[in-house]
Amino acid sequence: MRLRVGLTGGIGSGKSEVAHTFAALGALVIDADALARDAVAKGTPGLERIRARWPQTIDENGDLDRAEMARIVFHNSAARDELSAIVHPEVRRLGAEREAQAGPQQIVLHDVPLLFEAGFYRFCDANVLVVADKETRIRRIAERSGFSREDVERRMAAQIDPDRARELADYVIDNEGTIAALRDAVAEVAAELGERVATVSKAVAPARNLGPQMR
């Protein structure tokens, strides 16, 4: 039986590196951001619904102008909810298709930025949170993307409170050290999840299995 695992982390936490490490260790990684892009690609029903609602977000090539879409929904919760109602069902459908490709005892890792905010964590057997100090995250994003401190802090403020995220997570991976240390921590979590795959295969798993936190 497959084990469905949710992965999340605030901006600059290093979540992408954790996902890559899980993939290298044999997990099937499903990237929610990639699915969201596929859900509104040219020619999809999702993009046509967006065109009907916000025609100004379609560029001259018929693609979604993501910067314009972000500008519309960033400070408008009603518009953000409308967009989510268009995109999220299709993301779930595409995710189910990808998950069906997993092996019978494979870890299926859903890389979801809004794992807790969107409530997807409730459908996972375990959830992994990647964390790092606020100043470390700000520095990483500034170096990587050139965002100002104000830009980064505004994006952080839009995400779930870190303390609440820790309460909801089954495994917490601190990413304050080296890449090697991070990969070792991921390998430790993956090994424990692998043991749970074997256990789940022998019994009917509950909707949500809570496990120890790892820091």
N, C-alpha and C. Protein backbone atom coordinates (compact mmCIF):
# COMPACT_ATOMS: atom_id res chain seq x y z
N MET A 1 0.84 -1.19 0.00
CA MET A 1 0.00 0.00 0.00
C MET A 1 0.87 1.24 0.00
N ARG A 2 0.52 2.24 -0.79
CA ARG A 2 1.29 3.47 -0.86
C ARG A 2 1.10 4.30 0.40
N LEU A 3 2.11 5.13 0.70
CA LEU A 3 2.01 6.06 1.81
C LEU A 3 2.01 7.47 1.22
N ARG A 4 0.94 8.21 1.48
CA ARG A 4 0.83 9.57 0.97
C ARG A 4 1.39 10.53 2.01
N VAL A 5 2.38 11.30 1.60
CA VAL A 5 3.08 12.22 2.51
C VAL A 5 2.98 13.64 1.95
N GLY A 6 2.60 14.57 2.81
CA GLY A 6 2.57 15.97 2.43
C GLY A 6 3.89 16.64 2.82
N LEU A 7 4.38 17.51 1.97
CA LEU A 7 5.61 18.26 2.24
C LEU A 7 5.33 19.74 2.07
N THR A 8 5.74 20.54 3.04
CA THR A 8 5.57 21.99 2.91
C THR A 8 6.68 22.69 3.67
N GLY A 9 6.73 24.00 3.50
CA GLY A 9 7.72 24.83 4.18
C GLY A 9 7.56 26.25 3.70
N GLY A 10 7.83 27.20 4.57
CA GLY A 10 7.71 28.60 4.19
C GLY A 10 8.71 29.00 3.13
N ILE A 11 8.48 30.13 2.50
CA ILE A 11 9.38 30.64 1.48
C ILE A 11 10.80 30.75 2.04
N GLY A 12 11.75 30.20 1.29
CA GLY A 12 13.15 30.25 1.70
C GLY A 12 13.56 29.16 2.67
N SER A 13 12.67 28.22 2.98
CA SER A 13 12.99 27.18 3.96
C SER A 13 13.89 26.09 3.40
N GLY A 14 13.88 25.92 2.08
CA GLY A 14 14.64 24.83 1.47
C GLY A 14 13.79 23.62 1.13
N LYS A 15 12.50 23.83 1.02
CA LYS A 15 11.57 22.73 0.72
C LYS A 15 11.91 22.02 -0.59
N SER A 16 12.31 22.78 -1.59
CA SER A 16 12.61 22.17 -2.90
C SER A 16 13.77 21.19 -2.81
N GLU A 17 14.78 21.53 -2.03
CA GLU A 17 15.92 20.62 -1.86
C GLU A 17 15.49 19.35 -1.14
N VAL A 18 14.59 19.48 -0.19
CA VAL A 18 14.07 18.31 0.51
C VAL A 18 13.30 17.41 -0.46
N ALA A 19 12.50 18.02 -1.32
CA ALA A 19 11.75 17.24 -2.31
C ALA A 19 12.70 16.51 -3.25
N HIS A 20 13.75 17.18 -3.70
CA HIS A 20 14.72 16.54 -4.59
C HIS A 20 15.41 15.36 -3.90
N THR A 21 15.68 15.53 -2.61
CA THR A 21 16.34 14.45 -1.88
C THR A 21 15.41 13.26 -1.71
N PHE A 22 14.14 13.51 -1.41
CA PHE A 22 13.17 12.41 -1.34
C PHE A 22 13.10 11.67 -2.67
N ALA A 23 13.09 12.42 -3.77
CA ALA A 23 13.03 11.79 -5.09
C ALA A 23 14.25 10.91 -5.32
N ALA A 24 15.42 11.39 -4.92
CA ALA A 24 16.65 10.61 -5.09
C ALA A 24 16.61 9.34 -4.26
N LEU A 25 15.85 9.37 -3.18
CA LEU A 25 15.73 8.20 -2.30
C LEU A 25 14.60 7.26 -2.73
N GLY A 26 13.95 7.58 -3.84
CA GLY A 26 12.97 6.66 -4.41
C GLY A 26 11.52 7.05 -4.28
N ALA A 27 11.24 8.19 -3.67
CA ALA A 27 9.84 8.62 -3.55
C ALA A 27 9.33 9.15 -4.89
N LEU A 28 8.04 9.01 -5.11
CA LEU A 28 7.39 9.67 -6.24
C LEU A 28 6.97 11.04 -5.76
N VAL A 29 7.57 12.09 -6.32
CA VAL A 29 7.29 13.46 -5.89
C VAL A 29 6.30 14.10 -6.85
N ILE A 30 5.23 14.64 -6.30
CA ILE A 30 4.21 15.32 -7.09
C ILE A 30 4.22 16.79 -6.69
N ASP A 31 4.60 17.65 -7.60
CA ASP A 31 4.78 19.08 -7.35
C ASP A 31 3.47 19.81 -7.62
N ALA A 32 2.84 20.33 -6.57
CA ALA A 32 1.55 21.01 -6.72
C ALA A 32 1.67 22.26 -7.58
N ASP A 33 2.79 22.97 -7.49
CA ASP A 33 2.98 24.16 -8.31
C ASP A 33 3.01 23.80 -9.80
N ALA A 34 3.69 22.70 -10.12
CA ALA A 34 3.73 22.26 -11.52
C ALA A 34 2.34 21.86 -12.00
N LEU A 35 1.59 21.19 -11.14
CA LEU A 35 0.23 20.80 -11.52
C LEU A 35 -0.65 22.04 -11.71
N ALA A 36 -0.44 23.05 -10.88
CA ALA A 36 -1.22 24.28 -11.01
C ALA A 36 -0.93 24.97 -12.34
N ARG A 37 0.31 24.89 -12.79
CA ARG A 37 0.65 25.45 -14.11
C ARG A 37 -0.02 24.65 -15.21
N ASP A 38 0.01 23.32 -15.07
CA ASP A 38 -0.64 22.47 -16.08
C ASP A 38 -2.15 22.72 -16.12
N ALA A 39 -2.73 23.03 -14.96
CA ALA A 39 -4.19 23.20 -14.86
C ALA A 39 -4.68 24.42 -15.63
N VAL A 40 -3.78 25.38 -15.86
CA VAL A 40 -4.18 26.60 -16.57
C VAL A 40 -3.34 26.81 -17.83
N ALA A 41 -2.81 25.72 -18.37
CA ALA A 41 -2.04 25.82 -19.62
C ALA A 41 -2.97 26.17 -20.78
N LYS A 42 -2.38 26.64 -21.85
CA LYS A 42 -3.17 27.02 -23.02
C LYS A 42 -4.01 25.83 -23.51
N GLY A 43 -5.29 26.09 -23.77
CA GLY A 43 -6.20 25.07 -24.27
C GLY A 43 -6.93 24.29 -23.21
N THR A 44 -6.65 24.57 -21.92
CA THR A 44 -7.32 23.84 -20.86
C THR A 44 -8.63 24.53 -20.46
N PRO A 45 -9.57 23.76 -19.92
CA PRO A 45 -10.80 24.37 -19.41
C PRO A 45 -10.53 25.41 -18.32
N GLY A 46 -9.48 25.15 -17.52
CA GLY A 46 -9.14 26.08 -16.46
C GLY A 46 -8.79 27.46 -16.99
N LEU A 47 -7.98 27.49 -18.04
CA LEU A 47 -7.60 28.78 -18.61
C LEU A 47 -8.80 29.48 -19.24
N GLU A 48 -9.69 28.73 -19.84
CA GLU A 48 -10.88 29.34 -20.44
C GLU A 48 -11.78 29.96 -19.39
N ARG A 49 -11.86 29.33 -18.23
CA ARG A 49 -12.67 29.91 -17.15
C ARG A 49 -12.02 31.19 -16.63
N ILE A 50 -10.71 31.20 -16.56
CA ILE A 50 -10.01 32.41 -16.14
C ILE A 50 -10.19 33.52 -17.18
N ARG A 51 -10.12 33.15 -18.45
CA ARG A 51 -10.32 34.13 -19.52
C ARG A 51 -11.69 34.79 -19.40
N ALA A 52 -12.72 33.98 -19.10
CA ALA A 52 -14.07 34.51 -18.99
C ALA A 52 -14.21 35.44 -17.79
N ARG A 53 -13.50 35.13 -16.71
CA ARG A 53 -13.63 35.94 -15.49
C ARG A 53 -12.69 37.15 -15.49
N TRP A 54 -11.45 36.93 -15.93
CA TRP A 54 -10.45 38.01 -15.92
C TRP A 54 -9.75 38.07 -17.28
N PRO A 55 -10.42 38.56 -18.30
CA PRO A 55 -9.82 38.56 -19.65
C PRO A 55 -8.49 39.32 -19.73
N GLN A 56 -8.29 40.27 -18.82
CA GLN A 56 -7.06 41.06 -18.85
C GLN A 56 -5.83 40.25 -18.45
N THR A 57 -6.03 39.02 -17.94
CA THR A 57 -4.89 38.21 -17.51
C THR A 57 -4.36 37.31 -18.63
N ILE A 58 -4.95 37.38 -19.80
CA ILE A 58 -4.49 36.56 -20.93
C ILE A 58 -3.61 37.41 -21.83
N ASP A 59 -2.38 36.96 -22.07
CA ASP A 59 -1.46 37.77 -22.87
C ASP A 59 -1.72 37.59 -24.36
N GLU A 60 -0.92 38.25 -25.17
CA GLU A 60 -1.13 38.27 -26.62
C GLU A 60 -0.93 36.90 -27.27
N ASN A 61 -0.24 36.01 -26.56
CA ASN A 61 -0.04 34.65 -27.09
C ASN A 61 -1.11 33.67 -26.62
N GLY A 62 -2.05 34.17 -25.83
CA GLY A 62 -3.10 33.29 -25.32
C GLY A 62 -2.74 32.55 -24.06
N ASP A 63 -1.61 32.91 -23.45
CA ASP A 63 -1.19 32.29 -22.19
C ASP A 63 -1.60 33.16 -21.01
N LEU A 64 -1.58 32.55 -19.83
CA LEU A 64 -1.90 33.30 -18.62
C LEU A 64 -0.75 34.22 -18.26
N ASP A 65 -1.06 35.49 -18.05
CA ASP A 65 -0.09 36.45 -17.55
C ASP A 65 -0.07 36.31 -16.03
N ARG A 66 0.88 35.55 -15.54
CA ARG A 66 0.88 35.19 -14.12
C ARG A 66 1.13 36.41 -13.23
N ALA A 67 1.93 37.34 -13.70
CA ALA A 67 2.18 38.54 -12.90
C ALA A 67 0.89 39.35 -12.73
N GLU A 68 0.11 39.46 -13.80
CA GLU A 68 -1.14 40.20 -13.71
C GLU A 68 -2.14 39.45 -12.83
N MET A 69 -2.18 38.13 -12.96
CA MET A 69 -3.08 37.34 -12.13
C MET A 69 -2.71 37.49 -10.66
N ALA A 70 -1.42 37.44 -10.38
CA ALA A 70 -0.96 37.60 -8.99
C ALA A 70 -1.32 38.98 -8.45
N ARG A 71 -1.20 40.00 -9.30
CA ARG A 71 -1.53 41.35 -8.87
C ARG A 71 -3.01 41.45 -8.47
N ILE A 72 -3.86 40.76 -9.20
CA ILE A 72 -5.30 40.82 -8.94
C ILE A 72 -5.66 40.12 -7.63
N VAL A 73 -5.07 38.96 -7.39
CA VAL A 73 -5.51 38.16 -6.24
C VAL A 73 -4.71 38.41 -4.96
N PHE A 74 -3.55 39.07 -5.08
CA PHE A 74 -2.66 39.16 -3.92
C PHE A 74 -3.33 39.86 -2.75
N HIS A 75 -4.04 40.96 -2.99
CA HIS A 75 -4.67 41.71 -1.92
C HIS A 75 -6.20 41.57 -1.94
N ASN A 76 -6.70 40.59 -2.67
CA ASN A 76 -8.14 40.43 -2.82
C ASN A 76 -8.51 38.99 -2.50
N SER A 77 -8.96 38.77 -1.28
CA SER A 77 -9.23 37.39 -0.86
C SER A 77 -10.39 36.77 -1.63
N ALA A 78 -11.38 37.57 -2.03
CA ALA A 78 -12.51 37.03 -2.79
C ALA A 78 -12.04 36.54 -4.15
N ALA A 79 -11.20 37.34 -4.82
CA ALA A 79 -10.66 36.93 -6.12
C ALA A 79 -9.77 35.71 -5.96
N ARG A 80 -9.01 35.66 -4.87
CA ARG A 80 -8.14 34.52 -4.63
C ARG A 80 -8.97 33.25 -4.45
N ASP A 81 -10.09 33.37 -3.75
CA ASP A 81 -10.96 32.21 -3.56
C ASP A 81 -11.58 31.76 -4.89
N GLU A 82 -11.94 32.72 -5.73
CA GLU A 82 -12.49 32.38 -7.05
C GLU A 82 -11.46 31.62 -7.88
N LEU A 83 -10.23 32.12 -7.86
CA LEU A 83 -9.17 31.45 -8.62
C LEU A 83 -8.93 30.05 -8.08
N SER A 84 -8.91 29.91 -6.77
CA SER A 84 -8.70 28.59 -6.16
C SER A 84 -9.79 27.61 -6.57
N ALA A 85 -11.03 28.11 -6.66
CA ALA A 85 -12.15 27.24 -7.05
C ALA A 85 -12.01 26.74 -8.48
N ILE A 86 -11.29 27.50 -9.29
CA ILE A 86 -11.03 27.08 -10.67
C ILE A 86 -9.87 26.10 -10.73
N VAL A 87 -8.80 26.42 -10.02
CA VAL A 87 -7.55 25.68 -10.17
C VAL A 87 -7.48 24.42 -9.31
N HIS A 88 -7.90 24.50 -8.06
CA HIS A 88 -7.68 23.40 -7.13
C HIS A 88 -8.34 22.08 -7.54
N PRO A 89 -9.58 22.07 -8.03
CA PRO A 89 -10.15 20.77 -8.44
C PRO A 89 -9.34 20.09 -9.54
N GLU A 90 -8.84 20.89 -10.47
CA GLU A 90 -8.04 20.31 -11.54
C GLU A 90 -6.70 19.83 -11.03
N VAL A 91 -6.12 20.55 -10.08
CA VAL A 91 -4.86 20.11 -9.48
C VAL A 91 -5.06 18.78 -8.77
N ARG A 92 -6.18 18.64 -8.06
CA ARG A 92 -6.45 17.36 -7.38
C ARG A 92 -6.61 16.23 -8.39
N ARG A 93 -7.28 16.51 -9.50
CA ARG A 93 -7.47 15.47 -10.52
C ARG A 93 -6.12 15.05 -11.11
N LEU A 94 -5.29 16.02 -11.45
CA LEU A 94 -3.98 15.72 -12.02
C LEU A 94 -3.10 15.00 -11.00
N GLY A 95 -3.21 15.41 -9.73
CA GLY A 95 -2.43 14.74 -8.70
C GLY A 95 -2.81 13.29 -8.53
N ALA A 96 -4.10 13.00 -8.63
CA ALA A 96 -4.57 11.61 -8.52
C ALA A 96 -4.03 10.77 -9.68
N GLU A 97 -3.98 11.37 -10.86
CA GLU A 97 -3.42 10.66 -12.02
C GLU A 97 -1.96 10.32 -11.79
N ARG A 98 -1.19 11.28 -11.25
CA ARG A 98 0.23 11.03 -11.00
C ARG A 98 0.40 9.99 -9.91
N GLU A 99 -0.43 10.08 -8.88
CA GLU A 99 -0.31 9.16 -7.76
C GLU A 99 -0.59 7.72 -8.19
N ALA A 100 -1.47 7.55 -9.14
CA ALA A 100 -1.81 6.21 -9.62
C ALA A 100 -0.61 5.52 -10.29
N GLN A 101 0.41 6.31 -10.63
CA GLN A 101 1.60 5.76 -11.28
C GLN A 101 2.61 5.20 -10.26
N ALA A 102 2.35 5.40 -8.98
CA ALA A 102 3.29 4.96 -7.95
C ALA A 102 3.29 3.45 -7.81
N GLY A 103 4.41 2.94 -7.32
CA GLY A 103 4.51 1.52 -7.04
C GLY A 103 3.67 1.15 -5.83
N PRO A 104 3.41 -0.14 -5.61
CA PRO A 104 2.51 -0.58 -4.54
C PRO A 104 2.98 -0.24 -3.14
N GLN A 105 4.29 -0.08 -2.92
CA GLN A 105 4.79 0.27 -1.59
C GLN A 105 5.70 1.50 -1.66
N GLN A 106 5.39 2.40 -2.54
CA GLN A 106 6.21 3.59 -2.73
C GLN A 106 5.68 4.77 -1.92
N ILE A 107 6.59 5.59 -1.41
CA ILE A 107 6.19 6.83 -0.78
C ILE A 107 5.79 7.83 -1.87
N VAL A 108 4.61 8.39 -1.74
CA VAL A 108 4.15 9.42 -2.67
C VAL A 108 4.19 10.75 -1.93
N LEU A 109 5.10 11.61 -2.35
CA LEU A 109 5.33 12.88 -1.67
C LEU A 109 4.66 14.01 -2.44
N HIS A 110 3.67 14.63 -1.81
CA HIS A 110 3.00 15.77 -2.42
C HIS A 110 3.66 17.05 -1.91
N ASP A 111 4.36 17.74 -2.80
CA ASP A 111 5.04 19.00 -2.48
C ASP A 111 4.02 20.12 -2.65
N VAL A 112 3.48 20.61 -1.53
CA VAL A 112 2.35 21.56 -1.57
C VAL A 112 2.68 22.79 -0.73
N PRO A 113 2.91 23.95 -1.35
CA PRO A 113 3.23 25.16 -0.57
C PRO A 113 2.16 25.50 0.46
N LEU A 114 0.89 25.33 0.11
CA LEU A 114 -0.21 25.66 1.02
C LEU A 114 -0.84 24.39 1.61
N LEU A 115 -0.01 23.46 1.98
CA LEU A 115 -0.47 22.16 2.48
C LEU A 115 -1.45 22.32 3.64
N PHE A 116 -1.10 23.13 4.62
CA PHE A 116 -1.95 23.31 5.78
C PHE A 116 -3.08 24.30 5.51
N GLU A 117 -2.74 25.39 4.83
CA GLU A 117 -3.74 26.41 4.55
C GLU A 117 -4.91 25.87 3.74
N ALA A 118 -4.61 25.01 2.76
CA ALA A 118 -5.64 24.46 1.89
C ALA A 118 -6.32 23.22 2.48
N GLY A 119 -5.79 22.71 3.58
CA GLY A 119 -6.39 21.55 4.24
C GLY A 119 -6.00 20.21 3.64
N PHE A 120 -5.06 20.19 2.67
CA PHE A 120 -4.69 18.92 2.03
C PHE A 120 -4.01 17.98 3.02
N TYR A 121 -3.41 18.52 4.06
CA TYR A 121 -2.71 17.68 5.04
C TYR A 121 -3.64 16.62 5.64
N ARG A 122 -4.92 16.91 5.68
CA ARG A 122 -5.87 15.97 6.28
C ARG A 122 -5.98 14.67 5.47
N PHE A 123 -5.60 14.72 4.21
CA PHE A 123 -5.71 13.55 3.34
C PHE A 123 -4.39 12.79 3.24
N CYS A 124 -3.40 13.18 4.04
CA CYS A 124 -2.09 12.54 3.99
C CYS A 124 -1.90 11.64 5.20
N ASP A 125 -1.09 10.61 5.03
CA ASP A 125 -0.77 9.70 6.12
C ASP A 125 0.26 10.29 7.06
N ALA A 126 1.07 11.23 6.54
CA ALA A 126 2.06 11.94 7.35
C ALA A 126 2.38 13.25 6.65
N ASN A 127 2.83 14.22 7.43
CA ASN A 127 3.16 15.53 6.87
C ASN A 127 4.52 15.99 7.37
N VAL A 128 5.31 16.51 6.43
CA VAL A 128 6.67 16.94 6.72
C VAL A 128 6.77 18.45 6.52
N LEU A 129 7.31 19.12 7.52
CA LEU A 129 7.48 20.58 7.47
C LEU A 129 8.97 20.90 7.49
N VAL A 130 9.41 21.75 6.56
CA VAL A 130 10.79 22.22 6.52
C VAL A 130 10.82 23.63 7.10
N VAL A 131 11.72 23.87 8.05
CA VAL A 131 11.77 25.17 8.70
C VAL A 131 13.19 25.72 8.69
N ALA A 132 13.27 27.03 8.83
CA ALA A 132 14.55 27.73 8.98
C ALA A 132 14.26 29.06 9.66
N ASP A 133 15.28 29.62 10.28
CA ASP A 133 15.16 30.90 10.94
C ASP A 133 14.72 31.99 9.95
N LYS A 134 13.94 32.93 10.42
CA LYS A 134 13.41 34.00 9.56
C LYS A 134 14.52 34.73 8.83
N GLU A 135 15.56 35.12 9.53
CA GLU A 135 16.65 35.86 8.89
C GLU A 135 17.36 35.03 7.84
N THR A 136 17.50 33.74 8.10
CA THR A 136 18.11 32.84 7.12
C THR A 136 17.27 32.78 5.86
N ARG A 137 15.97 32.69 6.03
CA ARG A 137 15.06 32.61 4.88
C ARG A 137 15.08 33.90 4.07
N ILE A 138 15.08 35.03 4.76
CA ILE A 138 15.12 36.31 4.06
C ILE A 138 16.39 36.44 3.24
N ARG A 139 17.52 36.04 3.83
CA ARG A 139 18.79 36.12 3.11
C ARG A 139 18.79 35.21 1.89
N ARG A 140 18.29 33.99 2.03
CA ARG A 140 18.26 33.06 0.89
C ARG A 140 17.43 33.62 -0.26
N ILE A 141 16.24 34.13 0.05
CA ILE A 141 15.37 34.64 -1.00
C ILE A 141 15.97 35.88 -1.65
N ALA A 142 16.56 36.76 -0.85
CA ALA A 142 17.18 37.96 -1.40
C ALA A 142 18.31 37.60 -2.35
N GLU A 143 19.13 36.60 -1.97
CA GLU A 143 20.25 36.18 -2.82
C GLU A 143 19.76 35.48 -4.08
N ARG A 144 18.69 34.72 -3.95
CA ARG A 144 18.20 33.91 -5.07
C ARG A 144 17.36 34.71 -6.05
N SER A 145 16.50 35.57 -5.52
CA SER A 145 15.52 36.24 -6.37
C SER A 145 15.67 37.75 -6.44
N GLY A 146 16.48 38.32 -5.57
CA GLY A 146 16.65 39.76 -5.59
C GLY A 146 15.51 40.52 -4.96
N PHE A 147 14.61 39.83 -4.25
CA PHE A 147 13.50 40.52 -3.59
C PHE A 147 14.03 41.38 -2.44
N SER A 148 13.33 42.45 -2.17
CA SER A 148 13.67 43.27 -1.01
C SER A 148 13.20 42.57 0.25
N ARG A 149 13.70 43.03 1.39
CA ARG A 149 13.28 42.46 2.66
C ARG A 149 11.77 42.61 2.83
N GLU A 150 11.24 43.77 2.42
CA GLU A 150 9.81 44.02 2.55
C GLU A 150 9.00 43.03 1.71
N ASP A 151 9.48 42.75 0.49
CA ASP A 151 8.79 41.79 -0.36
C ASP A 151 8.73 40.41 0.29
N VAL A 152 9.87 39.98 0.84
CA VAL A 152 9.93 38.65 1.45
C VAL A 152 9.04 38.59 2.68
N GLU A 153 9.10 39.62 3.52
CA GLU A 153 8.28 39.61 4.73
C GLU A 153 6.80 39.62 4.41
N ARG A 154 6.42 40.31 3.33
CA ARG A 154 5.01 40.32 2.93
C ARG A 154 4.57 38.93 2.51
N ARG A 155 5.42 38.21 1.81
CA ARG A 155 5.08 36.84 1.40
C ARG A 155 5.03 35.90 2.60
N MET A 156 5.94 36.12 3.54
CA MET A 156 5.92 35.31 4.76
C MET A 156 4.62 35.52 5.54
N ALA A 157 4.18 36.77 5.61
CA ALA A 157 2.98 37.10 6.37
C ALA A 157 1.74 36.45 5.78
N ALA A 158 1.77 36.12 4.48
CA ALA A 158 0.62 35.51 3.82
C ALA A 158 0.56 34.01 4.06
N GLN A 159 1.60 33.44 4.67
CA GLN A 159 1.64 32.01 4.91
C GLN A 159 1.23 31.69 6.34
N ILE A 160 0.99 30.42 6.59
CA ILE A 160 0.53 29.98 7.90
C ILE A 160 1.54 30.35 8.98
N ASP A 161 1.04 30.64 10.18
CA ASP A 161 1.92 30.93 11.30
C ASP A 161 2.85 29.74 11.55
N PRO A 162 4.17 29.97 11.65
CA PRO A 162 5.12 28.86 11.80
C PRO A 162 4.83 27.96 13.00
N ASP A 163 4.39 28.54 14.11
CA ASP A 163 4.09 27.73 15.29
C ASP A 163 2.90 26.80 15.03
N ARG A 164 1.89 27.31 14.33
CA ARG A 164 0.73 26.48 14.00
C ARG A 164 1.14 25.36 13.04
N ALA A 165 2.01 25.68 12.10
CA ALA A 165 2.48 24.67 11.16
C ALA A 165 3.20 23.54 11.89
N ARG A 166 4.00 23.89 12.89
CA ARG A 166 4.70 22.87 13.67
C ARG A 166 3.71 21.96 14.40
N GLU A 167 2.63 22.54 14.89
CA GLU A 167 1.63 21.73 15.58
C GLU A 167 0.98 20.71 14.66
N LEU A 168 0.81 21.08 13.39
CA LEU A 168 0.13 20.21 12.45
C LEU A 168 1.05 19.18 11.81
N ALA A 169 2.34 19.43 11.83
CA ALA A 169 3.29 18.54 11.16
C ALA A 169 3.60 17.30 11.99
N ASP A 170 3.88 16.22 11.31
CA ASP A 170 4.33 14.99 11.96
C ASP A 170 5.85 14.94 12.06
N TYR A 171 6.52 15.51 11.08
CA TYR A 171 7.97 15.57 11.04
C TYR A 171 8.40 16.99 10.72
N VAL A 172 9.32 17.52 11.50
CA VAL A 172 9.84 18.86 11.28
C VAL A 172 11.34 18.76 11.02
N ILE A 173 11.76 19.25 9.87
CA ILE A 173 13.16 19.21 9.49
C ILE A 173 13.72 20.62 9.52
N ASP A 174 14.69 20.86 10.41
CA ASP A 174 15.34 22.16 10.47
C ASP A 174 16.42 22.24 9.40
N ASN A 175 16.39 23.33 8.64
CA ASN A 175 17.37 23.52 7.57
C ASN A 175 18.20 24.76 7.84
N GLU A 176 19.03 24.67 8.87
CA GLU A 176 19.91 25.78 9.21
C GLU A 176 21.37 25.48 8.90
N GLY A 177 21.65 24.23 8.56
CA GLY A 177 23.04 23.82 8.36
C GLY A 177 23.41 23.66 6.90
N THR A 178 24.26 22.69 6.65
CA THR A 178 24.76 22.44 5.30
C THR A 178 23.77 21.58 4.50
N ILE A 179 23.99 21.54 3.20
CA ILE A 179 23.18 20.67 2.34
C ILE A 179 23.34 19.22 2.77
N ALA A 180 24.58 18.84 3.12
CA ALA A 180 24.82 17.46 3.55
C ALA A 180 24.02 17.13 4.80
N ALA A 181 23.99 18.06 5.75
CA ALA A 181 23.21 17.82 6.98
C ALA A 181 21.73 17.72 6.67
N LEU A 182 21.25 18.56 5.75
CA LEU A 182 19.84 18.50 5.37
C LEU A 182 19.51 17.15 4.74
N ARG A 183 20.36 16.69 3.85
CA ARG A 183 20.11 15.42 3.18
C ARG A 183 20.13 14.26 4.17
N ASP A 184 20.99 14.34 5.16
CA ASP A 184 21.01 13.30 6.19
C ASP A 184 19.70 13.29 6.97
N ALA A 185 19.19 14.49 7.28
CA ALA A 185 17.93 14.57 8.02
C ALA A 185 16.78 14.02 7.19
N VAL A 186 16.78 14.32 5.90
CA VAL A 186 15.73 13.79 5.02
C VAL A 186 15.82 12.27 4.94
N ALA A 187 17.03 11.76 4.83
CA ALA A 187 17.21 10.30 4.75
C ALA A 187 16.68 9.62 6.01
N GLU A 188 16.84 10.27 7.16
CA GLU A 188 16.34 9.70 8.42
C GLU A 188 14.82 9.65 8.42
N VAL A 189 14.20 10.75 7.97
CA VAL A 189 12.74 10.78 7.90
C VAL A 189 12.25 9.75 6.87
N ALA A 190 12.91 9.70 5.71
CA ALA A 190 12.50 8.77 4.66
C ALA A 190 12.58 7.32 5.14
N ALA A 191 13.61 7.02 5.92
CA ALA A 191 13.76 5.66 6.43
C ALA A 191 12.60 5.30 7.37
N GLU A 192 12.22 6.25 8.23
CA GLU A 192 11.10 5.98 9.13
C GLU A 192 9.80 5.85 8.36
N LEU A 193 9.62 6.70 7.34
CA LEU A 193 8.41 6.58 6.52
C LEU A 193 8.40 5.27 5.76
N GLY A 194 9.57 4.81 5.34
CA GLY A 194 9.65 3.53 4.67
C GLY A 194 9.18 2.39 5.57
N GLU A 195 9.53 2.47 6.85
CA GLU A 195 9.06 1.47 7.79
C GLU A 195 7.54 1.53 7.92
N ARG A 196 7.00 2.73 7.86
CA ARG A 196 5.54 2.87 7.95
C ARG A 196 4.85 2.33 6.71
N VAL A 197 5.50 2.43 5.55
CA VAL A 197 4.93 1.84 4.34
C VAL A 197 4.73 0.35 4.54
N ALA A 198 5.75 -0.30 5.10
CA ALA A 198 5.65 -1.74 5.32
C ALA A 198 4.54 -2.07 6.31
N THR A 199 4.40 -1.22 7.34
CA THR A 199 3.36 -1.44 8.35
C THR A 199 1.98 -1.25 7.75
N VAL A 200 1.84 -0.15 6.98
CA VAL A 200 0.54 0.15 6.37
C VAL A 200 0.14 -0.95 5.41
N SER A 201 1.11 -1.57 4.76
CA SER A 201 0.81 -2.61 3.79
C SER A 201 0.18 -3.84 4.44
N LYS A 202 0.37 -3.96 5.75
CA LYS A 202 -0.14 -5.13 6.46
C LYS A 202 -1.47 -4.86 7.15
N ALA A 203 -1.90 -3.63 7.15
CA ALA A 203 -3.15 -3.29 7.85
C ALA A 203 -3.81 -2.11 7.17
N VAL A 204 -5.05 -1.91 7.44
CA VAL A 204 -5.76 -0.77 6.91
C VAL A 204 -5.31 0.46 7.66
N ALA A 205 -4.80 1.48 6.93
CA ALA A 205 -4.28 2.68 7.58
C ALA A 205 -5.41 3.62 7.93
N PRO A 206 -5.32 4.32 9.04
CA PRO A 206 -6.30 5.37 9.35
C PRO A 206 -6.14 6.54 8.40
N ALA A 207 -7.12 7.43 8.40
CA ALA A 207 -7.07 8.57 7.48
C ALA A 207 -5.84 9.42 7.72
N ARG A 208 -5.38 9.50 8.96
CA ARG A 208 -4.21 10.33 9.27
C ARG A 208 -3.44 9.68 10.41
N ASN A 209 -2.20 9.32 10.16
CA ASN A 209 -1.35 8.72 11.17
C ASN A 209 -0.43 9.79 11.73
N LEU A 210 -0.50 10.01 13.02
CA LEU A 210 0.40 10.98 13.64
C LEU A 210 1.65 10.28 14.12
N GLY A 211 2.78 10.88 13.86
CA GLY A 211 4.04 10.29 14.27
C GLY A 211 4.86 11.30 15.04
N PRO A 212 6.06 10.93 15.43
CA PRO A 212 6.91 11.82 16.20
C PRO A 212 7.42 12.96 15.32
N GLN A 213 7.77 14.06 15.95
CA GLN A 213 8.40 15.17 15.23
C GLN A 213 9.90 14.94 15.27
N MET A 214 10.54 15.29 14.16
CA MET A 214 11.99 15.18 14.10
C MET A 214 12.55 16.56 13.90
N ARG A 215 13.47 16.97 14.73
CA ARG A 215 14.08 18.30 14.62
C ARG A 215 15.58 18.14 14.53
